[in-house]
N, C-alpha and C. Protein backbone atom coordinates (compact mmCIF):
# COMPACT_ATOMS: atom_id res chain seq x y z
N UNK A 1 0.90 -1.23 0.39
CA UNK A 1 0.09 0.10 -0.13
C UNK A 1 1.07 1.24 0.22
N UNK A 2 0.44 2.04 -0.75
CA UNK A 2 1.29 3.31 -1.24
C UNK A 2 1.42 4.40 0.08
N UNK A 3 2.24 4.87 0.50
CA UNK A 3 2.23 5.83 1.76
C UNK A 3 1.80 7.35 1.11
N UNK A 4 0.76 7.61 2.09
CA UNK A 4 0.46 8.89 2.24
C UNK A 4 1.04 9.89 2.25
N UNK A 5 1.09 10.73 1.21
CA UNK A 5 1.72 12.11 1.56
C UNK A 5 1.11 13.08 2.25
N UNK A 6 2.08 14.20 2.59
CA UNK A 6 1.71 14.99 4.03
C UNK A 6 0.42 15.75 3.21
N UNK A 7 0.02 16.08 2.13
CA UNK A 7 -0.90 17.00 1.42
C UNK A 7 -2.02 16.31 1.48
N UNK A 8 -2.06 15.12 1.04
CA UNK A 8 -2.78 14.12 1.07
C UNK A 8 -3.96 13.68 2.16
N UNK A 9 -3.14 13.66 3.53
CA UNK A 9 -3.12 13.28 4.71
C UNK A 9 -3.74 14.43 5.05
N UNK A 10 -3.62 15.81 4.84
CA UNK A 10 -4.13 16.98 5.55
C UNK A 10 -5.93 17.19 4.50
N UNK A 11 -5.29 16.89 3.33
CA UNK A 11 -6.84 17.25 2.49
C UNK A 11 -7.90 16.29 3.14
N UNK A 12 -7.38 15.09 3.09
CA UNK A 12 -8.35 13.67 3.41
C UNK A 12 -8.95 14.09 5.07
N UNK A 13 -8.25 14.65 5.94
CA UNK A 13 -8.86 15.42 7.39
C UNK A 13 -9.65 15.84 6.80
N UNK A 14 -9.62 17.16 6.23
CA UNK A 14 -10.75 18.01 6.01
C UNK A 14 -11.19 17.48 5.52
N UNK A 15 -11.79 17.12 4.48
CA UNK A 15 -13.04 16.68 3.72
C UNK A 15 -13.68 15.53 4.28
N UNK A 16 -13.04 14.85 5.06
CA UNK A 16 -13.90 13.72 6.14
C UNK A 16 -14.60 14.68 7.19
N UNK A 17 -13.55 15.68 7.39
CA UNK A 17 -14.35 16.50 8.77
C UNK A 17 -15.71 16.93 8.05
N UNK A 18 -15.29 17.25 7.13
CA UNK A 18 -16.78 18.46 6.54
C UNK A 18 -17.76 17.62 6.02
N UNK A 19 -17.70 16.50 5.40
CA UNK A 19 -18.47 15.70 4.83
C UNK A 19 -19.34 14.81 6.39
N UNK A 20 -18.69 14.99 7.53
CA UNK A 20 -19.08 14.55 8.92
C UNK A 20 -20.48 15.44 9.04
N UNK A 21 -19.60 17.15 9.19
CA UNK A 21 -20.06 18.07 9.42
C UNK A 21 -21.60 17.98 8.97
N UNK A 22 -21.27 17.81 7.69
CA UNK A 22 -22.82 18.20 6.80
C UNK A 22 -23.64 17.02 7.15
N UNK A 23 -23.36 15.77 7.82
CA UNK A 23 -24.22 14.79 7.93
C UNK A 23 -24.95 14.96 9.46
N UNK A 24 -24.27 15.56 9.91
CA UNK A 24 -24.42 15.73 11.35
C UNK A 24 -25.29 17.23 11.77
N UNK A 25 -25.02 18.26 10.46
CA UNK A 25 -25.72 19.18 11.11
C UNK A 25 -26.93 19.07 10.24
N UNK A 26 -26.93 18.60 9.22
CA UNK A 26 -28.51 18.23 8.56
C UNK A 26 -29.45 17.19 8.71
N UNK A 27 -29.11 16.76 9.77
CA UNK A 27 -29.85 15.35 11.01
C UNK A 27 -30.53 15.86 11.91
N UNK A 28 -31.09 14.86 12.84
CA UNK A 28 -32.25 15.60 13.72
C UNK A 28 -31.10 15.88 14.95
N UNK A 29 -29.71 14.96 15.03
CA UNK A 29 -28.73 15.63 15.88
C UNK A 29 -27.71 16.76 15.77
N UNK A 30 -28.50 17.75 15.06
CA UNK A 30 -28.06 19.05 14.61
C UNK A 30 -27.18 19.57 15.88
N UNK A 31 -27.97 19.64 17.15
CA UNK A 31 -27.50 20.21 18.00
C UNK A 31 -26.03 19.37 19.01
N UNK A 32 -26.06 18.69 18.49
CA UNK A 32 -24.33 17.65 19.53
C UNK A 32 -24.00 17.88 18.14
N UNK A 33 -23.69 18.39 16.77
CA UNK A 33 -22.59 18.72 15.99
C UNK A 33 -22.06 20.21 16.05
N UNK A 34 -23.13 20.90 16.43
CA UNK A 34 -23.01 22.50 16.25
C UNK A 34 -21.64 23.01 16.99
N UNK A 35 -21.92 22.46 18.42
CA UNK A 35 -20.62 22.76 19.41
C UNK A 35 -19.22 22.52 18.83
N UNK A 36 -19.29 21.49 17.83
CA UNK A 36 -17.79 21.41 17.06
C UNK A 36 -17.35 22.14 16.05
N UNK A 37 -18.14 22.82 15.89
CA UNK A 37 -17.94 23.50 14.30
C UNK A 37 -16.42 24.49 14.82
N UNK A 38 -16.39 25.20 15.92
CA UNK A 38 -14.97 25.79 16.42
C UNK A 38 -13.87 24.91 16.14
N UNK A 39 -14.13 23.71 16.18
CA UNK A 39 -12.64 22.63 16.52
C UNK A 39 -12.79 22.38 14.97
N UNK A 40 -13.69 21.95 14.36
CA UNK A 40 -13.74 21.84 13.08
C UNK A 40 -12.50 23.05 12.29
N UNK A 41 -12.99 24.32 12.48
CA UNK A 41 -12.10 24.93 11.76
C UNK A 41 -10.79 25.12 12.29
N UNK A 42 -10.34 25.11 13.83
CA UNK A 42 -9.23 24.95 14.52
C UNK A 42 -8.28 23.42 13.70
N UNK A 43 -8.85 22.56 13.50
CA UNK A 43 -8.25 21.74 13.37
C UNK A 43 -7.76 21.88 11.15
N UNK A 44 -9.14 21.93 10.85
CA UNK A 44 -8.93 22.47 9.77
C UNK A 44 -7.54 23.88 9.05
N UNK A 45 -7.52 24.74 10.21
CA UNK A 45 -6.25 26.07 10.36
C UNK A 45 -5.14 25.26 10.14
N UNK A 46 -4.84 24.11 11.03
CA UNK A 46 -3.86 23.32 11.26
C UNK A 46 -3.64 22.56 10.15
N UNK A 47 -4.25 22.17 9.51
CA UNK A 47 -3.25 21.43 8.39
C UNK A 47 -3.59 22.15 7.04
N UNK A 48 -4.33 23.28 7.05
CA UNK A 48 -3.80 24.10 5.77
C UNK A 48 -2.55 25.30 6.36
N UNK A 49 -2.27 25.94 7.66
CA UNK A 49 -1.30 26.28 7.82
C UNK A 49 -0.12 25.63 7.91
N UNK A 50 0.15 24.22 8.14
CA UNK A 50 1.40 23.52 8.04
C UNK A 50 1.93 23.02 6.69
N UNK A 51 1.04 23.80 5.56
CA UNK A 51 1.42 24.07 4.34
C UNK A 51 2.17 25.46 3.76
N UNK A 52 1.99 26.14 4.95
CA UNK A 52 1.93 27.57 4.49
C UNK A 52 3.68 27.88 4.01
N UNK A 53 3.76 28.20 2.71
CA UNK A 53 5.08 28.58 2.37
C UNK A 53 5.87 30.00 2.77
N UNK A 54 4.50 31.03 3.58
CA UNK A 54 5.24 32.26 3.73
C UNK A 54 6.32 32.13 4.63
N UNK A 55 7.75 33.24 4.20
CA UNK A 55 8.60 33.37 4.86
C UNK A 55 8.35 34.53 5.97
N UNK A 56 7.25 35.22 5.48
CA UNK A 56 7.12 36.25 6.24
C UNK A 56 5.83 36.42 7.50
N UNK A 57 5.95 35.40 7.99
CA UNK A 57 4.90 34.89 8.86
C UNK A 57 4.05 36.08 9.82
N UNK A 58 4.72 37.30 9.82
CA UNK A 58 3.79 38.54 10.39
C UNK A 58 2.70 38.73 9.61
N UNK A 59 2.99 38.57 7.86
CA UNK A 59 1.86 39.03 7.12
C UNK A 59 0.64 37.74 7.69
N UNK A 60 0.68 36.69 8.10
CA UNK A 60 -0.51 35.74 8.21
C UNK A 60 -1.14 36.40 9.82
N UNK A 61 -0.15 36.85 10.79
CA UNK A 61 -0.85 37.61 11.64
C UNK A 61 -1.44 39.05 11.43
N UNK A 62 -0.90 39.43 10.70
CA UNK A 62 -1.42 40.74 10.19
C UNK A 62 -2.91 40.76 9.32
N UNK A 63 -3.05 39.46 8.46
CA UNK A 63 -4.51 39.44 7.92
C UNK A 63 -5.49 38.90 8.97
N UNK A 64 -4.65 38.00 10.04
CA UNK A 64 -5.66 37.72 10.77
C UNK A 64 -6.14 38.55 12.17
N UNK A 65 -5.64 39.72 12.12
CA UNK A 65 -5.68 40.49 13.32
C UNK A 65 -6.61 41.45 12.55
N UNK A 66 -6.21 42.12 11.43
CA UNK A 66 -7.14 43.19 10.20
C UNK A 66 -8.18 42.73 10.42
N UNK A 67 -8.62 41.24 9.33
CA UNK A 67 -9.52 40.70 9.40
C UNK A 67 -10.52 40.52 10.65
N UNK A 68 -10.11 40.19 11.73
CA UNK A 68 -11.11 40.35 12.71
C UNK A 68 -11.35 41.58 13.11
N UNK A 69 -10.57 42.48 12.99
CA UNK A 69 -10.68 44.03 13.65
C UNK A 69 -11.77 44.59 12.48
N UNK A 70 -11.97 44.46 11.58
CA UNK A 70 -13.03 44.63 10.79
C UNK A 70 -14.15 44.13 10.79
N UNK A 71 -14.54 42.97 11.56
CA UNK A 71 -15.47 42.20 11.64
C UNK A 71 -16.14 42.93 13.17
N UNK A 72 -15.24 43.44 13.84
CA UNK A 72 -15.14 44.03 15.20
C UNK A 72 -16.01 45.50 14.98
N UNK A 73 -15.52 46.19 14.15
CA UNK A 73 -15.77 47.47 13.48
C UNK A 73 -17.59 47.00 13.09
N UNK A 74 -17.52 45.99 12.49
CA UNK A 74 -18.44 45.73 11.86
C UNK A 74 -19.62 45.68 12.87
N UNK A 75 -19.42 45.01 13.86
CA UNK A 75 -20.55 44.58 15.05
C UNK A 75 -21.04 45.76 15.54
N UNK A 76 -19.64 46.78 15.97
CA UNK A 76 -20.25 47.93 16.78
C UNK A 76 -20.26 48.99 15.72
N UNK A 77 -19.95 49.47 14.68
CA UNK A 77 -20.75 50.43 14.13
C UNK A 77 -21.69 50.11 12.78
N UNK A 78 -21.65 48.67 12.44
CA UNK A 78 -22.75 48.62 11.42
C UNK A 78 -22.18 48.67 9.93
N UNK A 79 -20.76 49.38 10.42
CA UNK A 79 -19.90 49.68 8.65
C UNK A 79 -18.73 48.94 8.73
N UNK A 80 -18.57 47.75 7.82
CA UNK A 80 -18.88 48.02 6.00
C UNK A 80 -20.05 46.85 6.09
N UNK A 81 -20.52 46.38 6.73
CA UNK A 81 -21.43 44.76 6.30
C UNK A 81 -22.84 45.32 6.73
N UNK A 82 -23.26 46.21 7.85
CA UNK A 82 -24.66 46.28 8.01
C UNK A 82 -25.00 45.91 9.80
N UNK A 83 -25.99 45.97 9.94
CA UNK A 83 -26.21 45.86 11.52
C UNK A 83 -26.33 44.03 11.84
N UNK A 84 -25.45 43.48 12.64
CA UNK A 84 -25.80 42.07 12.87
C UNK A 84 -25.19 41.95 13.86
N UNK A 85 -25.29 41.18 14.65
CA UNK A 85 -24.29 40.14 15.78
C UNK A 85 -24.26 38.65 15.77
N UNK A 86 -23.09 38.74 16.12
CA UNK A 86 -22.69 37.24 16.46
C UNK A 86 -23.07 36.56 17.49
N UNK A 87 -23.56 34.67 16.58
CA UNK A 87 -24.30 34.07 17.71
C UNK A 87 -23.07 33.27 18.71
N UNK A 88 -23.24 32.36 19.37
CA UNK A 88 -22.07 31.44 19.95
C UNK A 88 -21.69 30.34 19.47
N UNK A 89 -21.98 30.15 18.24
CA UNK A 89 -21.66 28.84 17.65
C UNK A 89 -20.26 28.73 17.03
N UNK A 90 -19.54 30.03 17.05
CA UNK A 90 -18.66 30.21 16.26
C UNK A 90 -17.36 29.95 17.84
N UNK A 91 -17.62 29.93 18.38
CA UNK A 91 -16.55 29.83 19.61
C UNK A 91 -16.20 31.28 20.49
N UNK A 92 -15.78 30.84 21.59
CA UNK A 92 -14.99 32.28 22.27
C UNK A 92 -15.02 33.35 21.53
N UNK A 93 -15.38 34.52 22.46
CA UNK A 93 -15.40 36.00 21.49
C UNK A 93 -14.63 36.85 22.38
N UNK A 94 -14.49 38.30 21.50
CA UNK A 94 -13.26 38.98 22.06
C UNK A 94 -13.79 40.18 21.87
N UNK A 95 -14.63 41.52 22.52
CA UNK A 95 -15.54 42.43 22.20
C UNK A 95 -16.29 41.78 20.98
N UNK A 96 -17.38 41.07 21.46
CA UNK A 96 -18.70 40.30 20.78
C UNK A 96 -17.99 39.81 19.40
N UNK A 97 -16.66 39.27 19.49
CA UNK A 97 -16.77 39.03 17.80
C UNK A 97 -15.81 37.70 18.37
N UNK A 98 -16.31 36.15 17.71
CA UNK A 98 -15.53 35.22 17.62
C UNK A 98 -14.13 35.47 17.03
N UNK A 99 -13.36 35.11 18.07
CA UNK A 99 -11.92 34.99 17.62
C UNK A 99 -11.25 34.40 16.35
N UNK A 100 -12.14 33.12 16.09
CA UNK A 100 -11.98 32.67 15.15
C UNK A 100 -12.37 32.74 13.94
N UNK A 101 -13.07 33.99 13.73
CA UNK A 101 -13.49 34.52 12.54
C UNK A 101 -12.37 34.86 12.01
N UNK A 102 -11.21 35.64 12.45
CA UNK A 102 -10.07 35.89 11.72
C UNK A 102 -9.24 34.61 10.95
N UNK A 103 -8.77 33.75 11.70
CA UNK A 103 -8.67 32.51 11.14
C UNK A 103 -9.47 31.78 10.01
N UNK A 104 -10.79 32.34 9.64
CA UNK A 104 -11.67 31.97 8.88
C UNK A 104 -10.91 32.63 7.74
N UNK A 105 -11.05 33.99 8.01
CA UNK A 105 -10.41 35.36 6.87
C UNK A 105 -9.34 34.72 6.52
N UNK A 106 -8.59 34.63 6.66
CA UNK A 106 -7.34 34.04 6.93
C UNK A 106 -7.21 33.02 5.79
N UNK A 107 -7.87 31.94 6.05
CA UNK A 107 -7.99 30.63 5.66
C UNK A 107 -8.40 30.43 4.14
N UNK A 108 -9.41 31.49 3.81
CA UNK A 108 -10.13 31.70 3.19
C UNK A 108 -9.31 32.72 1.86
N UNK A 109 -8.78 33.42 2.38
CA UNK A 109 -7.76 34.78 1.26
C UNK A 109 -7.02 33.67 0.92
N UNK A 110 -6.14 33.05 1.81
CA UNK A 110 -5.01 31.89 1.05
C UNK A 110 -5.54 30.98 -0.24
N UNK A 111 -6.35 30.59 -0.11
CA UNK A 111 -7.04 30.07 -0.93
C UNK A 111 -7.46 30.33 -2.15
N UNK A 112 -8.35 31.60 -1.74
CA UNK A 112 -8.77 32.14 -3.11
C UNK A 112 -7.42 33.35 -4.06
N UNK A 113 -6.68 33.29 -3.01
CA UNK A 113 -5.54 34.23 -3.99
C UNK A 113 -4.96 32.91 -4.49
N UNK A 114 -4.45 31.68 -3.93
CA UNK A 114 -3.83 31.00 -4.57
C UNK A 114 -4.80 30.34 -6.44
N UNK A 115 -6.11 30.39 -6.14
CA UNK A 115 -7.05 30.04 -7.32
C UNK A 115 -6.70 31.35 -8.23
N UNK A 116 -6.78 32.43 -7.38
CA UNK A 116 -6.55 33.71 -8.81
C UNK A 116 -5.20 33.55 -9.65
N UNK A 117 -4.47 33.01 -8.41
CA UNK A 117 -2.81 33.14 -9.28
C UNK A 117 -2.61 32.04 -10.26
N UNK A 118 -3.29 31.41 -10.40
CA UNK A 118 -3.93 30.61 -11.67
C UNK A 118 -4.31 30.90 -12.86
N UNK A 119 -4.64 32.29 -12.59
CA UNK A 119 -5.67 32.83 -13.59
C UNK A 119 -4.41 33.90 -14.21
N UNK A 120 -4.13 34.87 -13.15
CA UNK A 120 -3.31 35.95 -13.63
C UNK A 120 -1.93 36.03 -12.72
N UNK A 121 -0.63 36.38 -13.10
CA UNK A 121 0.26 36.97 -11.89
C UNK A 121 0.20 38.57 -11.43
N UNK A 122 -0.58 39.09 -12.29
CA UNK A 122 -0.66 40.93 -11.82
C UNK A 122 -1.67 40.94 -10.47
N UNK A 123 -1.17 41.77 -9.76
CA UNK A 123 -1.12 41.52 -8.28
C UNK A 123 -2.70 42.32 -8.11
N UNK A 124 -3.10 43.58 -9.23
CA UNK A 124 -4.27 43.98 -8.99
C UNK A 124 -5.41 43.23 -9.82
N UNK A 125 -5.29 42.33 -10.45
CA UNK A 125 -6.26 41.02 -11.05
C UNK A 125 -6.46 39.66 -9.81
N UNK A 126 -5.12 39.57 -9.08
CA UNK A 126 -5.24 38.49 -8.35
C UNK A 126 -6.18 39.06 -7.46
N UNK A 127 -5.85 40.41 -6.90
CA UNK A 127 -6.99 41.04 -5.63
C UNK A 127 -8.27 40.96 -5.91
N UNK A 128 -8.75 41.02 -7.57
CA UNK A 128 -10.35 41.36 -7.95
C UNK A 128 -10.43 39.84 -8.00
N UNK A 129 -9.66 39.13 -8.28
CA UNK A 129 -10.49 37.78 -8.44
C UNK A 129 -10.46 36.97 -7.09
N UNK A 130 -9.59 37.57 -6.03
CA UNK A 130 -9.61 36.95 -4.59
C UNK A 130 -10.89 37.40 -4.09
N UNK A 131 -11.05 38.79 -4.29
CA UNK A 131 -12.34 39.47 -3.61
C UNK A 131 -13.85 38.79 -4.34
N UNK A 132 -13.70 38.93 -5.53
CA UNK A 132 -14.90 38.37 -6.22
C UNK A 132 -14.95 36.84 -5.70
N UNK A 133 -14.09 35.76 -5.70
CA UNK A 133 -14.50 34.31 -4.99
C UNK A 133 -14.63 34.64 -3.77
N UNK A 134 -13.97 35.13 -2.75
CA UNK A 134 -14.78 35.70 -1.77
C UNK A 134 -15.93 36.12 -1.42
N UNK A 135 -16.41 36.94 -2.33
CA UNK A 135 -17.70 37.41 -2.11
C UNK A 135 -18.98 36.14 -2.60
N UNK A 136 -18.70 35.51 -3.61
CA UNK A 136 -19.34 34.51 -4.01
C UNK A 136 -19.55 33.77 -2.77
N UNK A 137 -18.65 33.02 -2.58
CA UNK A 137 -18.67 31.97 -1.27
C UNK A 137 -19.87 32.38 -0.40
N UNK A 138 -19.32 33.86 0.02
CA UNK A 138 -20.57 34.34 1.43
C UNK A 138 -22.09 34.28 0.88
N UNK A 139 -22.34 34.44 -0.31
CA UNK A 139 -23.42 34.06 -0.69
C UNK A 139 -23.95 32.89 -0.27
N UNK A 140 -23.25 31.62 -0.30
CA UNK A 140 -23.75 30.40 0.03
C UNK A 140 -23.26 30.23 1.66
N UNK A 141 -22.41 31.08 1.99
CA UNK A 141 -22.50 30.93 3.67
C UNK A 141 -23.36 31.55 4.34
N UNK A 142 -24.36 32.53 3.82
CA UNK A 142 -25.16 33.15 4.71
C UNK A 142 -26.50 32.67 5.35
N UNK A 143 -27.35 31.87 4.03
CA UNK A 143 -28.31 31.30 4.54
C UNK A 143 -28.13 30.06 5.87
N UNK A 144 -27.12 29.57 5.61
CA UNK A 144 -26.46 28.86 6.94
C UNK A 144 -26.10 29.05 7.85
N UNK A 145 -25.39 30.18 7.80
CA UNK A 145 -24.60 31.11 9.04
C UNK A 145 -26.14 31.44 10.02
N UNK A 146 -27.22 31.79 9.20
CA UNK A 146 -28.46 32.47 9.67
C UNK A 146 -28.87 31.41 10.31
N UNK A 147 -29.20 30.38 9.76
CA UNK A 147 -30.03 28.99 10.32
C UNK A 147 -29.38 28.51 11.42
N UNK A 148 -27.99 28.38 11.92
CA UNK A 148 -27.13 28.12 12.72
C UNK A 148 -26.86 28.90 13.84
N UNK A 149 -27.34 30.20 13.42
CA UNK A 149 -26.80 31.17 14.78
C UNK A 149 -25.43 31.60 14.70
N UNK A 150 -24.78 31.63 13.57
CA UNK A 150 -23.12 32.10 13.60
C UNK A 150 -23.35 33.59 13.52
N UNK A 151 -24.25 34.03 12.95
CA UNK A 151 -24.61 35.20 13.15
C UNK A 151 -26.23 35.41 12.79
N UNK A 152 -26.21 36.66 13.35
CA UNK A 152 -28.19 37.35 13.08
C UNK A 152 -28.10 38.76 12.43
N UNK A 153 -28.88 39.03 11.35
CA UNK A 153 -29.04 40.17 10.84
C UNK A 153 -30.24 40.95 11.57
N UNK A 154 -30.00 42.14 11.58
CA UNK A 154 -31.12 42.92 12.27
C UNK A 154 -31.47 44.13 11.13
N UNK A 155 -33.27 44.18 11.16
CA UNK A 155 -33.91 44.61 10.17
C UNK A 155 -34.24 43.97 8.98
N UNK A 156 -33.22 43.94 8.11
CA UNK A 156 -33.27 42.88 7.24
C UNK A 156 -32.74 41.63 6.82
N UNK A 157 -33.25 40.50 6.20
CA UNK A 157 -32.27 39.23 6.03
C UNK A 157 -30.87 39.43 5.73
N UNK A 158 -30.57 39.52 5.05
CA UNK A 158 -28.78 39.99 4.45
C UNK A 158 -28.80 41.42 3.64
N UNK A 159 -28.23 42.93 4.36
CA UNK A 159 -28.06 43.84 3.52
C UNK A 159 -27.32 43.87 2.06
N UNK A 160 -27.71 44.41 1.34
CA UNK A 160 -26.87 44.31 -0.05
C UNK A 160 -25.25 45.01 0.22
N UNK A 161 -25.15 46.00 1.59
CA UNK A 161 -23.98 46.43 1.95
C UNK A 161 -22.95 45.47 2.60
N UNK A 162 -23.73 44.14 2.73
CA UNK A 162 -22.55 43.15 3.62
C UNK A 162 -22.00 42.37 2.54
N UNK A 163 -22.35 42.27 1.25
CA UNK A 163 -21.56 41.93 -0.37
C UNK A 163 -20.82 42.73 -0.50
N UNK A 164 -20.95 43.91 -0.34
CA UNK A 164 -20.28 45.16 -1.10
C UNK A 164 -18.80 45.33 0.03
N UNK A 165 -19.21 44.92 1.43
CA UNK A 165 -18.42 45.42 2.67
C UNK A 165 -17.64 43.72 2.41
N UNK A 166 -17.81 42.88 2.05
CA UNK A 166 -17.04 41.24 2.09
C UNK A 166 -15.66 41.61 0.32
N UNK A 167 -16.50 42.24 -0.46
CA UNK A 167 -15.66 42.27 -1.58
C UNK A 167 -14.66 43.58 -1.15
N UNK A 168 -15.03 44.48 -0.57
CA UNK A 168 -14.04 45.70 -0.19
C UNK A 168 -12.70 45.12 0.83
N UNK A 169 -13.42 44.59 1.76
CA UNK A 169 -12.51 44.21 2.71
C UNK A 169 -11.56 43.03 1.98
N UNK A 170 -12.05 41.88 1.49
CA UNK A 170 -10.95 40.70 0.76
C UNK A 170 -10.33 41.72 -0.41
N UNK A 171 -10.84 42.47 -0.87
CA UNK A 171 -9.92 43.37 -1.85
C UNK A 171 -8.81 43.97 -1.27
N UNK A 172 -9.05 44.47 0.00
CA UNK A 172 -8.00 45.25 0.77
C UNK A 172 -6.76 44.39 1.16
N UNK A 173 -7.56 43.41 1.81
CA UNK A 173 -6.74 42.22 2.63
C UNK A 173 -6.06 41.61 1.22
N UNK A 174 -5.93 41.21 0.33
CA UNK A 174 -5.51 40.71 -0.66
C UNK A 174 -4.28 41.37 -1.24
N UNK A 175 -4.50 42.67 -1.34
CA UNK A 175 -3.66 43.78 -1.54
C UNK A 175 -2.36 43.40 -0.60
N UNK A 176 -2.53 43.72 0.85
CA UNK A 176 -2.00 43.38 2.27
C UNK A 176 -1.19 42.46 1.67
N UNK A 177 -1.89 41.18 1.82
CA UNK A 177 -1.34 39.69 1.90
C UNK A 177 -0.06 39.38 0.74
N UNK A 178 -0.68 40.00 -0.34
CA UNK A 178 0.59 39.86 -1.27
C UNK A 178 1.95 40.77 -1.41
N UNK A 179 1.89 41.47 -0.17
CA UNK A 179 3.02 42.04 0.21
C UNK A 179 4.14 41.04 -0.02
N UNK A 180 3.69 39.61 0.38
CA UNK A 180 4.67 38.37 0.51
C UNK A 180 4.03 37.77 -0.58
N UNK A 181 5.00 37.55 -1.50
CA UNK A 181 4.54 36.91 -2.97
C UNK A 181 4.39 35.31 -2.59
N UNK A 182 4.43 34.75 -0.97
CA UNK A 182 4.56 33.39 -0.98
C UNK A 182 3.23 33.04 -0.38
N UNK A 183 2.66 33.97 -0.21
CA UNK A 183 1.29 34.22 1.02
C UNK A 183 0.03 33.20 -0.12
N UNK A 184 0.21 33.13 -1.56
CA UNK A 184 -1.04 32.52 -1.69
C UNK A 184 -0.15 31.47 -2.61
N UNK A 185 0.53 30.78 -1.99
CA UNK A 185 1.05 29.46 -2.81
C UNK A 185 0.56 28.19 -2.06
N UNK A 186 -0.22 27.72 -1.17
CA UNK A 186 -0.28 27.04 -0.82
C UNK A 186 -1.67 26.34 -0.75
N UNK A 187 -1.42 25.33 -1.94
CA UNK A 187 -2.51 24.26 -2.69
C UNK A 187 -3.69 23.99 -1.74
N UNK A 188 -3.07 23.65 -0.38
CA UNK A 188 -4.06 22.96 0.64
C UNK A 188 -4.90 24.10 1.22
N UNK A 189 -4.72 25.55 0.78
CA UNK A 189 -5.83 26.34 1.18
C UNK A 189 -6.77 26.69 0.41
N UNK A 190 -5.94 26.13 -1.01
CA UNK A 190 -6.97 26.74 -2.20
C UNK A 190 -8.16 25.35 -2.08
N UNK A 191 -7.91 24.23 -1.49
CA UNK A 191 -8.77 22.93 -1.40
C UNK A 191 -9.58 23.31 -0.08
N UNK A 192 -8.71 23.76 0.84
CA UNK A 192 -10.07 23.95 1.87
C UNK A 192 -11.33 25.37 1.07
N UNK A 193 -10.55 26.21 0.11
CA UNK A 193 -11.91 27.08 -0.35
C UNK A 193 -13.03 26.32 -1.05
N UNK A 194 -12.46 25.28 -1.79
CA UNK A 194 -13.21 24.57 -2.04
C UNK A 194 -14.21 23.49 -1.42
N UNK A 195 -13.99 22.80 -0.28
CA UNK A 195 -14.40 22.07 0.54
C UNK A 195 -15.33 22.83 1.22
N UNK A 196 -15.20 24.30 1.77
CA UNK A 196 -16.21 25.26 1.86
C UNK A 196 -17.43 25.58 0.91
N UNK A 197 -17.14 26.02 -0.12
CA UNK A 197 -18.20 25.69 -1.53
C UNK A 197 -18.85 24.47 -1.24
N UNK A 198 -18.50 23.55 -1.21
CA UNK A 198 -18.73 22.21 -0.95
C UNK A 198 -19.82 22.03 0.24
N UNK A 199 -19.01 22.34 1.23
CA UNK A 199 -19.81 22.29 2.39
C UNK A 199 -20.83 23.12 2.56
N UNK A 200 -20.80 24.30 2.32
CA UNK A 200 -22.26 25.18 2.37
C UNK A 200 -23.10 25.01 1.33
N UNK A 201 -22.67 24.87 0.35
CA UNK A 201 -23.52 24.55 -0.71
C UNK A 201 -24.20 23.37 -0.64
N UNK A 202 -24.35 22.34 0.01
CA UNK A 202 -24.66 20.97 0.28
C UNK A 202 -25.81 21.20 1.57
N UNK A 203 -25.30 22.20 2.52
CA UNK A 203 -25.88 22.55 3.42
C UNK A 203 -27.14 23.58 2.88
N UNK A 204 -27.00 24.52 2.25
CA UNK A 204 -27.77 25.05 1.43
C UNK A 204 -29.02 24.13 0.86
N UNK A 205 -28.49 22.64 0.49
CA UNK A 205 -29.52 22.04 -0.25
C UNK A 205 -30.46 21.01 0.78
N UNK A 206 -29.73 20.97 1.62
CA UNK A 206 -30.29 20.19 2.68
C UNK A 206 -31.12 20.42 3.80
N UNK A 207 -31.06 22.00 4.31
CA UNK A 207 -31.65 22.54 5.06
C UNK A 207 -33.07 22.99 4.70
């Protein structure tokens, strides 16, 4: 039997975690599986980050903190996403924002920039493609997030400026991330991005 590579193990574990997640969250036992969401994200984060090639580790930290900071700004000022509040499903919070939301942004940006780099080497084009991919993914995330109390919108279900805010935030962070030319080299992060598309896509169909 051939030995599995480090990449194959990482991808395999993430796929298994998310398949189990889809099955559990769409079952009558969803309340048992929902508290495992932060653990799923942390384990996936570990397997993505072990493949990071970035020699500028500070960029990873800055993207994490800046993305969390934008969410904190959004919760407390309604800019740039609209009026919303986080529930308890994403784990421990600081200033009413889950700490892990910064990790989610970081992983998705790494994945979307890797996919964008397959289309173009131009920094502006890559940032635009990354932002478009992130915004399209948010269309899949929103219905599921509302259903499972990841966050709650006030006034309207999902305001249009949420998507504009996602695009603008992803665009700016994509430019910042490209200060390190190796930021988007993580193929496992790109797989993680596709796994999120499948995860939220299937849950939208099943719920």
